[in-house]
C-alpha atoms as a PDB file:
ATOM      1  CA  MET A   1     -19.642 -75.359 -20.371  1.00  0.00           C
ATOM      2  CA  PRO A   2     -22.550 -75.153 -22.863  1.00  0.00           C
ATOM      3  CA  LEU A   3     -25.476 -73.077 -21.658  1.00  0.00           C
ATOM      4  CA  ARG A   4     -27.844 -76.027 -21.958  1.00  0.00           C
ATOM      5  CA  ASP A   5     -25.709 -78.148 -19.618  1.00  0.00           C
ATOM      6  CA  LEU A   6     -25.228 -75.290 -17.167  1.00  0.00           C
ATOM      7  CA  PHE A   7     -28.959 -74.735 -16.735  1.00  0.00           C
ATOM      8  CA  LYS A   8     -30.376 -78.227 -17.049  1.00  0.00           C
ATOM      9  CA  PRO A   9     -33.344 -78.831 -14.746  1.00  0.00           C
ATOM     10  CA  LYS A  10     -32.243 -80.307 -11.443  1.00  0.00           C
ATOM     11  CA  SER A  11     -31.678 -84.047 -11.329  1.00  0.00           C
ATOM     12  CA  ARG A  12     -34.482 -86.112  -9.866  1.00  0.00           C
ATOM     13  CA  LYS A  13     -31.959 -88.011  -7.748  1.00  0.00           C
ATOM     14  CA  LYS A  14     -32.313 -85.431  -4.992  1.00  0.00           C
ATOM     15  CA  TYR A  15     -35.872 -86.639  -4.380  1.00  0.00           C
ATOM     16  CA  ILE A  16     -35.050 -90.340  -4.112  1.00  0.00           C
ATOM     17  CA  THR A  17     -34.077 -92.137  -0.919  1.00  0.00           C
ATOM     18  CA  ILE A  18     -30.375 -93.008  -0.908  1.00  0.00           C
ATOM     19  CA  PRO A  19     -30.009 -96.766  -1.610  1.00  0.00           C
ATOM     20  CA  ALA A  20     -29.046 -98.887   1.405  1.00  0.00           C
ATOM     21  CA  GLN A  21     -25.450-100.015   1.657  1.00  0.00           C
ATOM     22  CA  VAL A  22     -24.658-103.673   2.204  1.00  0.00           C
ATOM     23  CA  GLY A  23     -25.644-104.607   5.760  1.00  0.00           C
ATOM     24  CA  GLU A  24     -27.633-101.415   6.334  1.00  0.00           C
ATOM     25  CA  SER A  25     -31.344-101.624   6.995  1.00  0.00           C
ATOM     26  CA  PRO A  26     -33.785 -99.256   5.254  1.00  0.00           C
ATOM     27  CA  ALA A  27     -34.661 -97.696   8.621  1.00  0.00           C
ATOM     28  CA  GLU A  28     -31.061 -96.574   8.997  1.00  0.00           C
ATOM     29  CA  GLN A  29     -31.014 -94.812   5.653  1.00  0.00           C
ATOM     30  CA  GLU A  30     -31.002 -91.058   5.685  1.00  0.00           C
ATOM     31  CA  PRO A  31     -33.329 -89.711   2.966  1.00  0.00           C
ATOM     32  CA  GLN A  32     -32.175 -86.685   1.052  1.00  0.00           C
ATOM     33  CA  GLU A  33     -33.950 -83.433   1.747  1.00  0.00           C
ATOM     34  CA  LEU A  34     -37.045 -82.585  -0.257  1.00  0.00           C
ATOM     35  CA  THR A  35     -37.294 -79.056  -1.582  1.00  0.00           C
ATOM     36  CA  LEU A  36     -40.752 -77.509  -1.326  1.00  0.00           C
ATOM     37  CA  LYS A  37     -41.870 -74.239  -2.891  1.00  0.00           C
ATOM     38  CA  THR A  38     -44.952 -72.388  -1.703  1.00  0.00           C
ATOM     39  CA  CYS A  39     -47.200 -71.167  -4.491  1.00  0.00           C
ATOM     40  CA  PRO A  40     -47.623 -67.395  -4.109  1.00  0.00           C
ATOM     41  CA  ARG A  41     -51.152 -67.580  -5.509  1.00  0.00           C
ATOM     42  CA  CYS A  42     -52.860 -70.493  -3.750  1.00  0.00           C
ATOM     43  CA  GLY A  43     -50.404 -71.232  -0.943  1.00  0.00           C
ATOM     44  CA  ARG A  44     -49.951 -74.883  -1.854  1.00  0.00           C
ATOM     45  CA  ARG A  45     -46.517 -76.340  -1.097  1.00  0.00           C
ATOM     46  CA  ASN A  46     -45.255 -78.075  -4.224  1.00  0.00           C
ATOM     47  CA  ARG A  47     -42.340 -80.439  -4.524  1.00  0.00           C
ATOM     48  CA  GLU A  48     -39.671 -78.975  -6.763  1.00  0.00           C
ATOM     49  CA  GLU A  49     -39.558 -82.250  -8.666  1.00  0.00           C
ATOM     50  CA  ASP A  50     -43.262 -81.950  -9.496  1.00  0.00           C
ATOM     51  CA  LEU A  51     -42.772 -78.380 -10.688  1.00  0.00           C
ATOM     52  CA  ASP A  52     -39.805 -79.378 -12.863  1.00  0.00           C
ATOM     53  CA  ASN A  53     -41.975 -82.039 -14.480  1.00  0.00           C
ATOM     54  CA  ASN A  54     -44.844 -79.591 -15.028  1.00  0.00           C
ATOM     55  CA  TYR A  55     -43.132 -76.653 -16.737  1.00  0.00           C
ATOM     56  CA  LYS A  56     -42.764 -74.933 -13.348  1.00  0.00           C
ATOM     57  CA  ILE A  57     -46.549 -74.519 -13.148  1.00  0.00           C
ATOM     58  CA  CYS A  58     -48.518 -75.027  -9.937  1.00  0.00           C
ATOM     59  CA  PRO A  59     -50.689 -78.140 -10.457  1.00  0.00           C
ATOM     60  CA  ASN A  60     -53.364 -76.687  -8.170  1.00  0.00           C
ATOM     61  CA  CYS A  61     -53.977 -73.177  -9.560  1.00  0.00           C
ATOM     62  CA  SER A  62     -51.824 -73.027 -12.733  1.00  0.00           C
ATOM     63  CA  TYR A  63     -49.618 -70.259 -11.349  1.00  0.00           C
ATOM     64  CA  HIS A  64     -46.632 -69.886 -13.673  1.00  0.00           C
ATOM     65  CA  TYR A  65     -43.466 -69.712 -11.593  1.00  0.00           C
ATOM     66  CA  PRO A  66     -40.729 -67.483 -13.059  1.00  0.00           C
ATOM     67  CA  LEU A  67     -38.151 -69.406 -15.071  1.00  0.00           C
ATOM     68  CA  THR A  68     -34.423 -68.905 -15.295  1.00  0.00           C
ATOM     69  CA  ALA A  69     -33.001 -68.165 -18.738  1.00  0.00           C
ATOM     70  CA  GLY A  70     -31.623 -71.693 -18.898  1.00  0.00           C
ATOM     71  CA  GLU A  71     -34.946 -73.276 -17.971  1.00  0.00           C
ATOM     72  CA  ARG A  72     -36.724 -71.192 -20.598  1.00  0.00           C
ATOM     73  CA  ILE A  73     -34.243 -72.213 -23.280  1.00  0.00           C
ATOM     74  CA  TRP A  74     -34.472 -75.837 -22.193  1.00  0.00           C
ATOM     75  CA  LEU A  75     -38.270 -75.881 -22.433  1.00  0.00           C
ATOM     76  CA  MET A  76     -38.807 -73.784 -25.561  1.00  0.00           C
ATOM     77  CA  THR A  77     -36.074 -74.874 -27.982  1.00  0.00           C
ATOM     78  CA  ASP A  78     -35.260 -78.058 -29.848  1.00  0.00           C
ATOM     79  CA  GLU A  79     -32.720 -80.373 -28.236  1.00  0.00           C
ATOM     80  CA  ASN A  80     -29.123 -79.100 -28.508  1.00  0.00           C
ATOM     81  CA  SER A  81     -30.087 -76.367 -30.986  1.00  0.00           C
ATOM     82  CA  PHE A  82     -29.296 -73.237 -28.972  1.00  0.00           C
ATOM     83  CA  SER A  83     -26.064 -71.460 -29.920  1.00  0.00           C
ATOM     84  CA  GLU A  84     -25.431 -68.412 -27.762  1.00  0.00           C
ATOM     85  CA  LEU A  85     -24.322 -65.202 -29.473  1.00  0.00           C
ATOM     86  CA  GLN A  86     -20.871 -64.219 -28.234  1.00  0.00           C
ATOM     87  CA  ASP A  87     -19.896 -60.642 -27.402  1.00  0.00           C
ATOM     88  CA  ASN A  88     -17.346 -58.595 -25.493  1.00  0.00           C
ATOM     89  CA  TYR A  89     -19.722 -56.049 -23.981  1.00  0.00           C
ATOM     90  CA  GLN A  90     -18.904 -54.771 -20.518  1.00  0.00           C
ATOM     91  CA  THR A  91     -21.161 -53.526 -17.738  1.00  0.00           C
ATOM     92  CA  ALA A  92     -20.984 -49.748 -17.522  1.00  0.00           C
ATOM     93  CA  ASP A  93     -20.648 -47.874 -14.229  1.00  0.00           C
ATOM     94  CA  PRO A  94     -20.697 -44.219 -15.348  1.00  0.00           C
ATOM     95  CA  LEU A  95     -21.795 -42.914 -11.944  1.00  0.00           C
ATOM     96  CA  SER A  96     -19.338 -45.009  -9.924  1.00  0.00           C
ATOM     97  CA  PHE A  97     -22.446 -46.076  -8.054  1.00  0.00           C
ATOM     98  CA  PRO A  98     -21.469 -47.463  -4.627  1.00  0.00           C
ATOM     99  CA  GLY A  99     -21.500 -51.264  -4.585  1.00  0.00           C
ATOM    100  CA  TYR A 100     -22.973 -51.589  -8.070  1.00  0.00           C
ATOM    101  CA  LEU A 101     -20.226 -53.644  -9.713  1.00  0.00           C
ATOM    102  CA  GLU A 102     -20.053 -55.863  -6.635  1.00  0.00           C
ATOM    103  CA  LYS A 103     -23.801 -56.568  -6.965  1.00  0.00           C
ATOM    104  CA  VAL A 104     -23.354 -57.380 -10.643  1.00  0.00           C
ATOM    105  CA  GLU A 105     -20.564 -59.801  -9.832  1.00  0.00           C
ATOM    106  CA  LYS A 106     -22.663 -61.435  -7.108  1.00  0.00           C
ATOM    107  CA  ALA A 107     -25.551 -61.842  -9.578  1.00  0.00           C
ATOM    108  CA  ARG A 108     -23.174 -63.491 -12.034  1.00  0.00           C
ATOM    109  CA  GLU A 109     -22.025 -65.953  -9.406  1.00  0.00           C
ATOM    110  CA  ASP A 110     -25.603 -66.744  -8.353  1.00  0.00           C
ATOM    111  CA  THR A 111     -27.076 -67.185 -11.850  1.00  0.00           C
ATOM    112  CA  GLY A 112     -24.167 -68.208 -14.066  1.00  0.00           C
ATOM    113  CA  LEU A 113     -25.147 -65.417 -16.472  1.00  0.00           C
ATOM    114  CA  GLU A 114     -23.152 -62.403 -17.603  1.00  0.00           C
ATOM    115  CA  ASP A 115     -26.217 -60.188 -17.514  1.00  0.00           C
ATOM    116  CA  ALA A 116     -30.014 -60.215 -17.528  1.00  0.00           C
ATOM    117  CA  VAL A 117     -30.327 -61.114 -21.235  1.00  0.00           C
ATOM    118  CA  VAL A 118     -29.195 -64.213 -23.110  1.00  0.00           C
ATOM    119  CA  THR A 119     -29.437 -64.290 -26.917  1.00  0.00           C
ATOM    120  CA  GLY A 120     -28.731 -66.998 -29.447  1.00  0.00           C
ATOM    121  CA  ILE A 121     -29.727 -68.720 -32.654  1.00  0.00           C
ATOM    122  CA  THR A 122     -31.840 -71.804 -32.147  1.00  0.00           C
ATOM    123  CA  LYS A 123     -34.723 -73.870 -33.494  1.00  0.00           C
ATOM    124  CA  ILE A 124     -38.287 -74.060 -32.229  1.00  0.00           C
ATOM    125  CA  ASN A 125     -40.118 -77.106 -33.589  1.00  0.00           C
ATOM    126  CA  GLY A 126     -37.645 -77.209 -36.453  1.00  0.00           C
ATOM    127  CA  GLU A 127     -37.941 -73.505 -37.318  1.00  0.00           C
ATOM    128  CA  LYS A 128     -34.735 -71.474 -37.172  1.00  0.00           C
ATOM    129  CA  VAL A 129     -35.061 -68.345 -35.087  1.00  0.00           C
ATOM    130  CA  LEU A 130     -33.052 -65.810 -33.140  1.00  0.00           C
ATOM    131  CA  MET A 131     -34.211 -65.989 -29.545  1.00  0.00           C
ATOM    132  CA  GLY A 132     -33.611 -63.695 -26.600  1.00  0.00           C
ATOM    133  CA  VAL A 133     -34.445 -64.509 -22.997  1.00  0.00           C
ATOM    134  CA  MET A 134     -34.489 -62.158 -20.027  1.00  0.00           C
ATOM    135  CA  ASP A 135     -33.894 -63.550 -16.552  1.00  0.00           C
ATOM    136  CA  ALA A 136     -35.515 -61.778 -13.599  1.00  0.00           C
ATOM    137  CA  HIS A 137     -33.157 -63.593 -11.232  1.00  0.00           C
ATOM    138  CA  PHE A 138     -30.325 -61.334 -12.438  1.00  0.00           C
ATOM    139  CA  LEU A 139     -30.813 -58.010 -10.638  1.00  0.00           C
ATOM    140  CA  ALA A 140     -34.574 -58.225 -11.237  1.00  0.00           C
ATOM    141  CA  GLY A 141     -34.009 -58.508 -14.981  1.00  0.00           C
ATOM    142  CA  SER A 142     -33.138 -54.817 -15.100  1.00  0.00           C
ATOM    143  CA  MET A 143     -31.980 -53.378 -18.419  1.00  0.00           C
ATOM    144  CA  GLY A 144     -28.594 -51.704 -18.333  1.00  0.00           C
ATOM    145  CA  SER A 145     -26.235 -50.830 -21.143  1.00  0.00           C
ATOM    146  CA  LEU A 146     -25.015 -54.413 -21.584  1.00  0.00           C
ATOM    147  CA  ALA A 147     -28.540 -55.811 -21.836  1.00  0.00           C
ATOM    148  CA  GLY A 148     -29.522 -53.076 -24.286  1.00  0.00           C
ATOM    149  CA  GLU A 149     -26.476 -53.807 -26.435  1.00  0.00           C
ATOM    150  CA  ARG A 150     -27.342 -57.480 -26.514  1.00  0.00           C
ATOM    151  CA  VAL A 151     -30.940 -56.892 -27.556  1.00  0.00           C
ATOM    152  CA  THR A 152     -29.837 -54.424 -30.240  1.00  0.00           C
ATOM    153  CA  ALA A 153     -27.145 -56.765 -31.544  1.00  0.00           C
ATOM    154  CA  ALA A 154     -29.688 -59.607 -31.669  1.00  0.00           C
ATOM    155  CA  PHE A 155     -31.997 -57.648 -33.973  1.00  0.00           C
ATOM    156  CA  GLU A 156     -29.049 -56.611 -36.137  1.00  0.00           C
ATOM    157  CA  LYS A 157     -27.925 -60.243 -36.409  1.00  0.00           C
ATOM    158  CA  ALA A 158     -31.460 -61.311 -37.287  1.00  0.00           C
ATOM    159  CA  CYS A 159     -31.622 -58.625 -39.990  1.00  0.00           C
ATOM    160  CA  ALA A 160     -28.360 -59.816 -41.501  1.00  0.00           C
ATOM    161  CA  GLU A 161     -29.437 -63.458 -41.548  1.00  0.00           C
ATOM    162  CA  LYS A 162     -33.128 -62.830 -42.318  1.00  0.00           C
ATOM    163  CA  LEU A 163     -34.291 -64.625 -39.189  1.00  0.00           C
ATOM    164  CA  PRO A 164     -37.462 -64.142 -37.153  1.00  0.00           C
ATOM    165  CA  VAL A 165     -36.984 -62.983 -33.556  1.00  0.00           C
ATOM    166  CA  VAL A 166     -38.662 -64.358 -30.432  1.00  0.00           C
ATOM    167  CA  LEU A 167     -38.004 -62.427 -27.227  1.00  0.00           C
ATOM    168  CA  PHE A 168     -39.057 -63.557 -23.758  1.00  0.00           C
ATOM    169  CA  THR A 169     -39.168 -60.572 -21.427  1.00  0.00           C
ATOM    170  CA  ALA A 170     -38.946 -60.495 -17.645  1.00  0.00           C
ATOM    171  CA  SER A 171     -37.788 -57.239 -16.138  1.00  0.00           C
ATOM    172  CA  GLY A 172     -38.147 -54.760 -13.325  1.00  0.00           C
ATOM    173  CA  GLY A 173     -37.275 -51.918 -15.703  1.00  0.00           C
ATOM    174  CA  ALA A 174     -34.227 -49.792 -16.382  1.00  0.00           C
ATOM    175  CA  ARG A 175     -31.113 -50.262 -14.237  1.00  0.00           C
ATOM    176  CA  MET A 176     -30.937 -46.855 -12.616  1.00  0.00           C
ATOM    177  CA  GLN A 177     -27.406 -47.374 -11.247  1.00  0.00           C
ATOM    178  CA  GLU A 178     -26.243 -46.608 -14.796  1.00  0.00           C
ATOM    179  CA  GLY A 179     -28.173 -43.353 -15.039  1.00  0.00           C
ATOM    180  CA  MET A 180     -28.869 -42.024 -18.537  1.00  0.00           C
ATOM    181  CA  LEU A 181     -26.914 -44.849 -20.171  1.00  0.00           C
ATOM    182  CA  SER A 182     -29.625 -47.180 -18.918  1.00  0.00           C
ATOM    183  CA  LEU A 183     -32.513 -45.008 -20.085  1.00  0.00           C
ATOM    184  CA  MET A 184     -30.888 -44.625 -23.506  1.00  0.00           C
ATOM    185  CA  GLN A 185     -31.349 -48.350 -24.072  1.00  0.00           C
ATOM    186  CA  MET A 186     -35.077 -47.733 -24.542  1.00  0.00           C
ATOM    187  CA  ALA A 187     -34.394 -45.581 -27.599  1.00  0.00           C
ATOM    188  CA  LYS A 188     -31.592 -47.805 -28.869  1.00  0.00           C
ATOM    189  CA  THR A 189     -33.581 -51.035 -28.726  1.00  0.00           C
ATOM    190  CA  SER A 190     -36.681 -49.363 -30.185  1.00  0.00           C
ATOM    191  CA  ALA A 191     -34.627 -48.087 -33.125  1.00  0.00           C
ATOM    192  CA  ALA A 192     -33.244 -51.595 -33.667  1.00  0.00           C
ATOM    193  CA  VAL A 193     -36.775 -53.013 -33.754  1.00  0.00           C
ATOM    194  CA  ALA A 194     -37.820 -50.316 -36.256  1.00  0.00           C
ATOM    195  CA  ARG A 195     -34.961 -51.247 -38.603  1.00  0.00           C
ATOM    196  CA  PHE A 196     -35.920 -54.900 -38.206  1.00  0.00           C
ATOM    197  CA  HIS A 197     -39.539 -54.146 -39.136  1.00  0.00           C
ATOM    198  CA  GLN A 198     -38.351 -52.377 -42.296  1.00  0.00           C
ATOM    199  CA  GLU A 199     -36.915 -55.699 -43.461  1.00  0.00           C
ATOM    200  CA  GLY A 200     -40.368 -57.273 -43.222  1.00  0.00           C
ATOM    201  CA  LEU A 201     -39.255 -59.884 -40.697  1.00  0.00           C
ATOM    202  CA  LEU A 202     -41.320 -61.424 -37.920  1.00  0.00           C
ATOM    203  CA  TYR A 203     -40.906 -60.346 -34.305  1.00  0.00           C
ATOM    204  CA  ILE A 204     -42.798 -62.174 -31.553  1.00  0.00           C
ATOM    205  CA  SER A 205     -42.664 -60.901 -27.992  1.00  0.00           C
ATOM    206  CA  VAL A 206     -43.578 -63.151 -25.064  1.00  0.00           C
ATOM    207  CA  LEU A 207     -44.251 -61.151 -21.901  1.00  0.00           C
ATOM    208  CA  THR A 208     -43.662 -63.077 -18.687  1.00  0.00           C
ATOM    209  CA  ASP A 209     -44.045 -62.146 -15.044  1.00  0.00           C
ATOM    210  CA  PRO A 210     -42.985 -59.439 -14.450  1.00  0.00           C
ATOM    211  CA  THR A 211     -42.437 -57.225 -17.504  1.00  0.00           C
ATOM    212  CA  THR A 212     -42.316 -53.633 -16.321  1.00  0.00           C
ATOM    213  CA  GLY A 213     -40.690 -50.226 -16.680  1.00  0.00           C
ATOM    214  CA  GLY A 214     -38.437 -49.309 -19.580  1.00  0.00           C
ATOM    215  CA  VAL A 215     -38.577 -52.782 -21.115  1.00  0.00           C
ATOM    216  CA  THR A 216     -42.368 -52.601 -21.393  1.00  0.00           C
ATOM    217  CA  ALA A 217     -42.082 -49.077 -22.784  1.00  0.00           C
ATOM    218  CA  SER A 218     -39.639 -50.131 -25.503  1.00  0.00           C
ATOM    219  CA  PHE A 219     -38.888 -53.368 -27.355  1.00  0.00           C
ATOM    220  CA  ALA A 220     -41.245 -55.637 -25.364  1.00  0.00           C
ATOM    221  CA  THR A 221     -44.391 -54.049 -26.788  1.00  0.00           C
ATOM    222  CA  LEU A 222     -43.177 -53.254 -30.314  1.00  0.00           C
ATOM    223  CA  ALA A 223     -43.597 -56.772 -31.684  1.00  0.00           C
ATOM    224  CA  ASP A 224     -45.782 -57.917 -34.556  1.00  0.00           C
ATOM    225  CA  ILE A 225     -47.360 -60.470 -32.225  1.00  0.00           C
ATOM    226  CA  ILE A 226     -47.471 -59.911 -28.460  1.00  0.00           C
ATOM    227  CA  ILE A 227     -48.111 -62.971 -26.315  1.00  0.00           C
ATOM    228  CA  ALA A 228     -48.258 -63.172 -22.524  1.00  0.00           C
ATOM    229  CA  GLU A 229     -48.195 -65.957 -19.984  1.00  0.00           C
ATOM    230  CA  PRO A 230     -51.245 -66.235 -17.704  1.00  0.00           C
ATOM    231  CA  GLY A 231     -51.246 -63.840 -14.764  1.00  0.00           C
ATOM    232  CA  ALA A 232     -48.122 -61.963 -15.834  1.00  0.00           C
ATOM    233  CA  LEU A 233     -47.687 -58.450 -14.444  1.00  0.00           C
ATOM    234  CA  ILE A 234     -47.206 -56.130 -17.433  1.00  0.00           C
ATOM    235  CA  CYS A 235     -46.929 -52.411 -16.858  1.00  0.00           C
ATOM    236  CA  PHE A 236     -44.715 -49.347 -16.854  1.00  0.00           C
ATOM    237  CA  THR A 237     -45.215 -48.451 -13.189  1.00  0.00           C
ATOM    238  CA  GLY A 238     -46.128 -51.165 -10.707  1.00  0.00           C
ATOM    239  CA  PRO A 239     -49.420 -51.167  -8.798  1.00  0.00           C
ATOM    240  CA  ARG A 240     -47.791 -50.441  -5.441  1.00  0.00           C
ATOM    241  CA  VAL A 241     -46.127 -47.278  -6.740  1.00  0.00           C
ATOM    242  CA  ILE A 242     -49.353 -46.122  -8.382  1.00  0.00           C
ATOM    243  CA  GLU A 243     -51.337 -46.590  -5.172  1.00  0.00           C
ATOM    244  CA  GLN A 244     -48.738 -44.676  -3.171  1.00  0.00           C
ATOM    245  CA  THR A 245     -48.876 -41.849  -5.722  1.00  0.00           C
ATOM    246  CA  ILE A 246     -52.624 -41.437  -6.215  1.00  0.00           C
ATOM    247  CA  HIS A 247     -53.610 -42.642  -2.703  1.00  0.00           C
ATOM    248  CA  GLN A 248     -56.289 -44.892  -4.130  1.00  0.00           C
ATOM    249  CA  LYS A 249     -56.753 -48.633  -4.310  1.00  0.00           C
ATOM    250  CA  ILE A 250     -56.489 -49.932  -7.874  1.00  0.00           C
ATOM    251  CA  PRO A 251     -58.787 -52.723  -9.143  1.00  0.00           C
ATOM    252  CA  ASN A 252     -57.866 -56.365  -8.613  1.00  0.00           C
ATOM    253  CA  GLY A 253     -56.051 -57.788 -11.620  1.00  0.00           C
ATOM    254  CA  PHE A 254     -55.141 -54.347 -12.897  1.00  0.00           C
ATOM    255  CA  GLN A 255     -52.024 -54.583 -15.128  1.00  0.00           C
ATOM    256  CA  GLN A 256     -52.129 -58.357 -15.297  1.00  0.00           C
ATOM    257  CA  ALA A 257     -52.112 -60.138 -18.639  1.00  0.00           C
ATOM    258  CA  GLU A 258     -55.854 -60.865 -18.593  1.00  0.00           C
ATOM    259  CA  PHE A 259     -56.677 -57.183 -18.030  1.00  0.00           C
ATOM    260  CA  LEU A 260     -54.340 -56.144 -20.861  1.00  0.00           C
ATOM    261  CA  LEU A 261     -55.851 -58.683 -23.258  1.00  0.00           C
ATOM    262  CA  GLU A 262     -59.331 -57.380 -22.493  1.00  0.00           C
ATOM    263  CA  HIS A 263     -58.165 -53.837 -23.276  1.00  0.00           C
ATOM    264  CA  GLY A 264     -56.307 -54.673 -26.482  1.00  0.00           C
ATOM    265  CA  MET A 265     -52.675 -54.252 -25.453  1.00  0.00           C
ATOM    266  CA  ILE A 266     -51.668 -57.852 -26.116  1.00  0.00           C
ATOM    267  CA  ASP A 267     -52.803 -60.365 -28.717  1.00  0.00           C
ATOM    268  CA  GLN A 268     -53.079 -63.627 -26.806  1.00  0.00           C
ATOM    269  CA  ILE A 269     -52.496 -65.319 -23.464  1.00  0.00           C
ATOM    270  CA  VAL A 270     -50.870 -68.714 -23.856  1.00  0.00           C
ATOM    271  CA  HIS A 271     -50.348 -71.424 -21.252  1.00  0.00           C
ATOM    272  CA  ARG A 272     -46.668 -72.354 -20.958  1.00  0.00           C
ATOM    273  CA  THR A 273     -47.316 -75.948 -21.985  1.00  0.00           C
ATOM    274  CA  ASP A 274     -48.734 -74.750 -25.337  1.00  0.00           C
ATOM    275  CA  LEU A 275     -46.211 -72.016 -26.015  1.00  0.00           C
ATOM    276  CA  LYS A 276     -43.502 -73.870 -27.927  1.00  0.00           C
ATOM    277  CA  LYS A 277     -46.000 -75.409 -30.357  1.00  0.00           C
ATOM    278  CA  LEU A 278     -47.682 -72.054 -30.987  1.00  0.00           C
ATOM    279  CA  LEU A 279     -44.375 -70.274 -31.614  1.00  0.00           C
ATOM    280  CA  GLY A 280     -43.289 -72.961 -34.055  1.00  0.00           C
ATOM    281  CA  ASN A 281     -46.581 -72.722 -35.923  1.00  0.00           C
ATOM    282  CA  LEU A 282     -46.455 -68.916 -36.126  1.00  0.00           C
ATOM    283  CA  ILE A 283     -42.898 -68.923 -37.452  1.00  0.00           C
ATOM    284  CA  ALA A 284     -43.687 -71.668 -39.971  1.00  0.00           C
ATOM    285  CA  LEU A 285     -46.756 -69.751 -41.155  1.00  0.00           C
ATOM    286  CA  HIS A 286     -44.734 -66.577 -41.641  1.00  0.00           C
ATOM    287  CA  ASN A 287     -41.989 -68.414 -43.488  1.00  0.00           C
END
């Protein structure tokens, strides 16, 4: 099944009352269940249908809900333009970590993904680009050997075909169940980005909530242009761990996108509704 069909936004039919059968009164109809999601920022309970129609953004406070890889591809690429890069990479388990492969398999069943990164060649507002998307729903978007291989292969493919790269990051960091093989992906992906830069090609990184750990400390922040979604947590070590270590309360908003923009770590914060147009314009300008 094509990736676009697998991850299409949910049908609106689930929010509509089931039509009455012949001879059945409306009062006897059993309406289908509405799915409500509580906004973690303002506490408002939003209908999932309303969120689907609003880029998964809270209409009350503009909180950007995390997207699946499929939803991101659906919203950011031109219709039917995404062609996923195929590979035969396997998840490594060098430590024979108890239960690790079972968790990976469960994540695959839950998300429909092979791992936390999906890459492919696509078009954004008519501009051809190699795009990578991380999905935090797959083991917190952690970067293991398979994810690192995919990111590296994406930059190598883009070098060969002289394509710009757009990478959407969402990660809890390195996948420690793989030990040093996981940490090595920081060096591997950084080296791939360096070779890509030598070709004079454009790399745009879009940091979404959350982008942390080894991903932040490697390819996510090595782009020519670094964009973030509003309110995204972007850091190496999360605020909770820092507070437990230094035994002090850190400032409100520390490590969020707005704080990082103020201190020069990122170039721009872009609302999700404006993101596709901006990416298309930047790629067209570079071309």
